Amino acid sequence: MSIAPAIMPIDFGVEVTRGFAGASPGSGEVACVTTPAGEAAQVVHCGPYDQMRGAHAVLHQWCAANKRRIGMHSLEICGDWSDDPVKLETTIQYLLL
């Protein structure tokens, strides 16, 4: 079972509290983007990042079972860092069509 569409644009969201040294507006180095509004399927993965494939597979299985189509936007929102991989939490969201 393939869990990724052929092409999916990916944006990385971070909380920005100050400017970026050396990045000038319009340079392409840093860009503001807007997350599209709409209904999403979501799951929270707890554990090491290299084991998130299973959480993505669960979302795809849920969408198939509920006859929902995945759109072209997704998010992986990482929780607070921990040196203990078991304590890592990542919220995975797929925008639905």
Protein backbone atom coordinates (compact mmCIF):
# COMPACT_ATOMS: atom_id res chain seq x y z
CA MET A 1 0.00 0.00 0.00
CA SER A 2 1.46 3.34 -1.04
CA ILE A 3 0.89 5.98 1.61
CA ALA A 4 2.01 9.07 -0.31
CA PRO A 5 0.50 10.75 -3.36
CA ALA A 6 2.77 11.26 -6.37
CA ILE A 7 3.28 14.97 -5.66
CA MET A 8 2.56 16.77 -2.40
CA PRO A 9 3.86 20.25 -1.60
CA ILE A 10 5.30 20.46 1.89
CA ASP A 11 5.56 23.56 4.07
CA PHE A 12 7.41 23.59 7.35
CA GLY A 13 5.75 25.67 10.05
CA VAL A 14 7.68 27.19 12.89
CA GLU A 15 6.87 29.77 15.52
CA VAL A 16 8.89 32.87 14.67
CA THR A 17 9.75 35.22 17.51
CA ARG A 18 12.36 37.42 15.77
CA GLY A 19 13.76 38.21 12.34
CA PHE A 20 16.13 36.02 10.35
CA ALA A 21 19.64 37.43 10.03
CA GLY A 22 20.56 37.83 6.36
CA ALA A 23 17.13 36.94 4.97
CA SER A 24 15.69 39.80 2.99
CA PRO A 25 11.99 40.10 2.08
CA GLY A 26 11.25 38.47 -1.27
CA SER A 27 14.57 36.60 -1.34
CA GLY A 28 12.87 33.20 -1.32
CA GLU A 29 14.80 32.11 1.76
CA VAL A 30 11.85 32.51 4.11
CA ALA A 31 8.22 32.72 3.04
CA CYS A 32 4.93 33.14 4.88
CA VAL A 33 2.29 30.65 3.82
CA THR A 34 -1.32 30.14 4.83
CA THR A 35 -2.70 26.75 5.75
CA PRO A 36 -5.85 26.14 3.71
CA ALA A 37 -9.10 25.94 5.64
CA GLY A 38 -11.19 22.80 5.55
CA GLU A 39 -11.91 19.47 7.13
CA ALA A 40 -8.90 17.34 8.02
CA ALA A 41 -8.14 13.82 9.19
CA GLN A 42 -5.76 13.81 12.15
CA VAL A 43 -3.81 11.38 14.27
CA VAL A 44 -1.22 11.88 17.02
CA HIS A 45 1.89 9.71 16.77
CA CYS A 46 3.69 9.09 20.05
CA GLY A 47 7.22 7.80 19.72
CA PRO A 48 10.31 8.05 17.52
CA TYR A 49 10.08 10.00 14.27
CA ASP A 50 11.37 7.05 12.24
CA GLN A 51 8.23 5.10 13.23
CA MET A 52 5.66 7.64 11.93
CA ARG A 53 5.01 5.63 8.76
CA GLY A 54 2.46 3.54 10.66
CA ALA A 55 0.51 6.64 11.74
CA HIS A 56 0.38 7.84 8.12
CA ALA A 57 -0.84 4.38 7.08
CA VAL A 58 -3.61 4.51 9.71
CA LEU A 59 -4.82 7.85 8.31
CA HIS A 60 -4.87 6.44 4.77
CA GLN A 61 -6.76 3.36 5.96
CA TRP A 62 -9.31 5.53 7.80
CA CYS A 63 -9.83 7.70 4.72
CA ALA A 64 -10.36 4.63 2.53
CA ALA A 65 -12.75 3.00 5.01
CA ASN A 66 -14.77 6.22 5.29
CA LYS A 67 -14.68 7.01 1.56
CA ARG A 68 -12.77 10.25 2.14
CA ARG A 69 -10.23 11.61 -0.33
CA ILE A 70 -6.97 13.19 0.80
CA GLY A 71 -6.21 16.64 -0.59
CA MET A 72 -2.88 18.17 -1.56
CA HIS A 73 -1.91 19.57 1.86
CA SER A 74 -0.67 17.86 4.98
CA LEU A 75 1.00 18.88 8.21
CA GLU A 76 3.30 17.22 10.70
CA ILE A 77 3.28 19.27 13.88
CA CYS A 78 6.08 18.28 16.24
CA GLY A 79 5.50 18.63 19.96
CA ASP A 80 8.11 19.58 22.51
CA TRP A 81 11.54 18.03 22.07
CA SER A 82 12.68 15.24 24.35
CA ASP A 83 15.92 13.26 24.40
CA ASP A 84 13.70 10.24 25.13
CA PRO A 85 12.20 9.21 21.73
CA VAL A 86 9.24 7.54 23.48
CA LYS A 87 8.10 10.98 24.72
CA LEU A 88 8.03 12.60 21.26
CA GLU A 89 4.58 13.54 19.93
CA THR A 90 3.75 14.46 16.35
CA THR A 91 0.29 15.50 15.18
CA ILE A 92 -0.27 14.43 11.56
CA GLN A 93 -3.05 16.08 9.56
CA TYR A 94 -4.29 15.58 5.99
CA LEU A 95 -6.63 18.12 4.43
CA LEU A 96 -9.64 16.27 3.00
CA LEU A 97 -11.42 16.96 -0.27
